Amino acid sequence: MKLSRPLPQYDANQAASNQYQLESADRLNHKKEQDIEVGDASIILTAPNGTRYKIEIDNSGTLSTSAV
């Protein structure tokens, strides 16, 4: 995220734009003590040897992994 540089004088429109950008970015952050839902995104874990694995689930709830 890149906020606009401050103007020499306070500008309410710029402040509102920066606030909107900050709030939008914050909504994408995972919060402590809350469930994590990834929607269409994937969860990818890296093994100690550097191999990356994607976690997947089928309609019966069975978890599986595949190398990515």
N, C-alpha and C. Protein backbone atom coordinates (compact mmCIF):
# COMPACT_ATOMS: atom_id res chain seq x y z
N MET A 1 0.85 -1.16 0.00
CA MET A 1 0.00 0.00 0.00
C MET A 1 0.90 1.23 0.00
N LYS A 2 0.51 2.19 -0.79
CA LYS A 2 1.28 3.43 -0.84
C LYS A 2 0.32 4.59 -0.66
N LEU A 3 0.46 5.27 0.48
CA LEU A 3 -0.36 6.44 0.76
C LEU A 3 0.24 7.65 0.06
N SER A 4 -0.61 8.62 -0.26
CA SER A 4 -0.11 9.84 -0.89
C SER A 4 0.72 10.63 0.12
N ARG A 5 1.68 11.36 -0.40
CA ARG A 5 2.54 12.18 0.46
C ARG A 5 1.71 13.30 1.06
N PRO A 6 2.04 13.70 2.27
CA PRO A 6 1.27 14.79 2.88
C PRO A 6 1.45 16.10 2.12
N LEU A 7 0.37 16.86 2.05
CA LEU A 7 0.42 18.18 1.43
C LEU A 7 0.93 19.20 2.45
N PRO A 8 1.43 20.35 1.98
CA PRO A 8 1.90 21.37 2.92
C PRO A 8 0.80 21.84 3.87
N GLN A 9 -0.43 21.84 3.40
CA GLN A 9 -1.58 22.25 4.20
C GLN A 9 -2.50 21.04 4.36
N TYR A 10 -3.18 20.96 5.50
CA TYR A 10 -4.13 19.86 5.73
C TYR A 10 -5.19 19.88 4.65
N ASP A 11 -5.49 18.69 4.12
CA ASP A 11 -6.53 18.54 3.09
C ASP A 11 -7.46 17.42 3.53
N ALA A 12 -8.71 17.75 3.80
CA ALA A 12 -9.67 16.77 4.29
C ALA A 12 -9.89 15.64 3.29
N ASN A 13 -9.89 15.93 2.00
CA ASN A 13 -10.08 14.88 0.99
C ASN A 13 -8.91 13.90 1.01
N GLN A 14 -7.70 14.41 1.14
CA GLN A 14 -6.54 13.53 1.20
C GLN A 14 -6.58 12.68 2.46
N ALA A 15 -6.94 13.29 3.58
CA ALA A 15 -7.02 12.54 4.84
C ALA A 15 -8.07 11.44 4.73
N ALA A 16 -9.22 11.75 4.12
CA ALA A 16 -10.28 10.74 3.94
C ALA A 16 -9.81 9.62 3.03
N SER A 17 -9.11 9.97 1.97
CA SER A 17 -8.60 8.95 1.03
C SER A 17 -7.59 8.03 1.73
N ASN A 18 -6.68 8.62 2.50
CA ASN A 18 -5.70 7.81 3.23
C ASN A 18 -6.39 6.91 4.25
N GLN A 19 -7.38 7.44 4.95
CA GLN A 19 -8.12 6.66 5.95
C GLN A 19 -8.82 5.48 5.27
N TYR A 20 -9.43 5.73 4.12
CA TYR A 20 -10.13 4.67 3.38
C TYR A 20 -9.13 3.58 2.98
N GLN A 21 -7.97 3.97 2.47
CA GLN A 21 -6.95 2.99 2.06
C GLN A 21 -6.48 2.15 3.25
N LEU A 22 -6.25 2.80 4.39
CA LEU A 22 -5.81 2.08 5.58
C LEU A 22 -6.88 1.09 6.06
N GLU A 23 -8.13 1.52 6.09
CA GLU A 23 -9.21 0.65 6.54
C GLU A 23 -9.42 -0.51 5.57
N SER A 24 -9.30 -0.27 4.27
CA SER A 24 -9.45 -1.33 3.28
C SER A 24 -8.35 -2.37 3.44
N ALA A 25 -7.11 -1.93 3.63
CA ALA A 25 -5.99 -2.85 3.82
C ALA A 25 -6.14 -3.62 5.12
N ASP A 26 -6.62 -2.95 6.17
CA ASP A 26 -6.78 -3.61 7.47
C ASP A 26 -7.81 -4.73 7.40
N ARG A 27 -8.85 -4.58 6.59
CA ARG A 27 -9.86 -5.64 6.47
C ARG A 27 -9.28 -6.93 5.90
N LEU A 28 -8.16 -6.83 5.18
CA LEU A 28 -7.53 -8.01 4.60
C LEU A 28 -6.62 -8.73 5.60
N ASN A 29 -6.31 -8.09 6.72
CA ASN A 29 -5.43 -8.69 7.72
C ASN A 29 -6.16 -9.72 8.56
N HIS A 30 -5.45 -10.78 8.93
CA HIS A 30 -5.99 -11.76 9.86
C HIS A 30 -5.84 -11.21 11.27
N LYS A 31 -6.88 -11.33 12.06
CA LYS A 31 -6.89 -10.78 13.41
C LYS A 31 -6.69 -11.88 14.44
N LYS A 32 -5.99 -11.56 15.50
CA LYS A 32 -5.79 -12.47 16.62
C LYS A 32 -7.13 -12.79 17.26
N GLU A 33 -7.29 -14.05 17.69
CA GLU A 33 -8.51 -14.49 18.38
C GLU A 33 -9.74 -14.52 17.48
N GLN A 34 -9.55 -14.60 16.16
CA GLN A 34 -10.68 -14.70 15.23
C GLN A 34 -10.45 -15.86 14.28
N ASP A 35 -11.55 -16.44 13.80
CA ASP A 35 -11.46 -17.49 12.80
C ASP A 35 -10.82 -16.93 11.53
N ILE A 36 -10.17 -17.82 10.78
CA ILE A 36 -9.55 -17.42 9.52
C ILE A 36 -10.30 -18.14 8.40
N GLU A 37 -10.86 -17.37 7.48
CA GLU A 37 -11.49 -17.93 6.28
C GLU A 37 -10.72 -17.42 5.09
N VAL A 38 -10.32 -18.32 4.21
CA VAL A 38 -9.53 -17.91 3.06
C VAL A 38 -10.34 -17.85 1.77
N GLY A 39 -11.62 -18.23 1.81
CA GLY A 39 -12.46 -18.14 0.61
C GLY A 39 -11.87 -18.94 -0.53
N ASP A 40 -11.65 -18.29 -1.66
CA ASP A 40 -11.10 -18.97 -2.85
C ASP A 40 -9.57 -19.05 -2.82
N ALA A 41 -8.95 -18.45 -1.81
CA ALA A 41 -7.49 -18.50 -1.70
C ALA A 41 -7.06 -19.88 -1.20
N SER A 42 -5.78 -20.12 -1.16
CA SER A 42 -5.23 -21.40 -0.73
C SER A 42 -4.37 -21.21 0.51
N ILE A 43 -4.21 -22.30 1.25
CA ILE A 43 -3.25 -22.33 2.36
C ILE A 43 -2.07 -23.16 1.87
N ILE A 44 -0.90 -22.55 1.89
CA ILE A 44 0.30 -23.23 1.45
C ILE A 44 1.30 -23.20 2.60
N LEU A 45 1.79 -24.38 2.96
CA LEU A 45 2.78 -24.52 4.03
C LEU A 45 4.11 -24.95 3.42
N THR A 46 5.19 -24.52 4.04
CA THR A 46 6.52 -24.89 3.57
C THR A 46 7.17 -25.85 4.56
N ALA A 47 7.61 -27.00 4.06
CA ALA A 47 8.28 -28.00 4.89
C ALA A 47 9.71 -27.52 5.19
N PRO A 48 10.34 -28.09 6.22
CA PRO A 48 11.71 -27.70 6.56
C PRO A 48 12.69 -27.82 5.38
N ASN A 49 12.43 -28.75 4.45
CA ASN A 49 13.33 -28.91 3.31
C ASN A 49 13.03 -27.93 2.18
N GLY A 50 12.03 -27.05 2.38
CA GLY A 50 11.71 -26.04 1.38
C GLY A 50 10.57 -26.41 0.44
N THR A 51 10.11 -27.66 0.49
CA THR A 51 9.00 -28.08 -0.36
C THR A 51 7.72 -27.39 0.12
N ARG A 52 6.96 -26.88 -0.82
CA ARG A 52 5.71 -26.18 -0.49
C ARG A 52 4.54 -27.12 -0.76
N TYR A 53 3.59 -27.16 0.19
CA TYR A 53 2.41 -28.01 0.08
C TYR A 53 1.14 -27.19 0.21
N LYS A 54 0.20 -27.46 -0.67
CA LYS A 54 -1.11 -26.81 -0.63
C LYS A 54 -2.08 -27.73 0.10
N ILE A 55 -2.82 -27.17 1.06
CA ILE A 55 -3.83 -27.94 1.80
C ILE A 55 -5.16 -27.80 1.07
N GLU A 56 -5.81 -28.94 0.84
CA GLU A 56 -7.10 -28.94 0.14
C GLU A 56 -8.11 -29.76 0.93
N ILE A 57 -9.39 -29.50 0.70
CA ILE A 57 -10.46 -30.24 1.36
C ILE A 57 -11.53 -30.58 0.34
N ASP A 58 -12.09 -31.79 0.45
CA ASP A 58 -13.19 -32.14 -0.46
C ASP A 58 -14.52 -31.95 0.24
N ASN A 59 -15.60 -32.23 -0.47
CA ASN A 59 -16.95 -31.98 0.06
C ASN A 59 -17.30 -32.86 1.26
N SER A 60 -16.56 -33.95 1.50
CA SER A 60 -16.84 -34.78 2.67
C SER A 60 -16.01 -34.35 3.88
N GLY A 61 -15.15 -33.33 3.69
CA GLY A 61 -14.31 -32.84 4.79
C GLY A 61 -12.94 -33.49 4.86
N THR A 62 -12.62 -34.31 3.88
CA THR A 62 -11.32 -34.98 3.87
C THR A 62 -10.23 -34.00 3.44
N LEU A 63 -9.19 -33.89 4.27
CA LEU A 63 -8.07 -33.02 3.96
C LEU A 63 -7.01 -33.78 3.16
N SER A 64 -6.35 -33.06 2.25
CA SER A 64 -5.24 -33.65 1.52
C SER A 64 -4.22 -32.55 1.23
N THR A 65 -3.04 -32.95 0.86
CA THR A 65 -2.01 -32.00 0.50
C THR A 65 -1.45 -32.37 -0.87
N SER A 66 -0.95 -31.36 -1.55
CA SER A 66 -0.26 -31.62 -2.82
C SER A 66 0.87 -30.63 -2.92
N ALA A 67 1.97 -31.09 -3.50
CA ALA A 67 3.14 -30.22 -3.68
C ALA A 67 2.80 -29.15 -4.71
N VAL A 68 3.30 -27.96 -4.47
CA VAL A 68 3.10 -26.87 -5.44
C VAL A 68 4.41 -26.30 -5.88
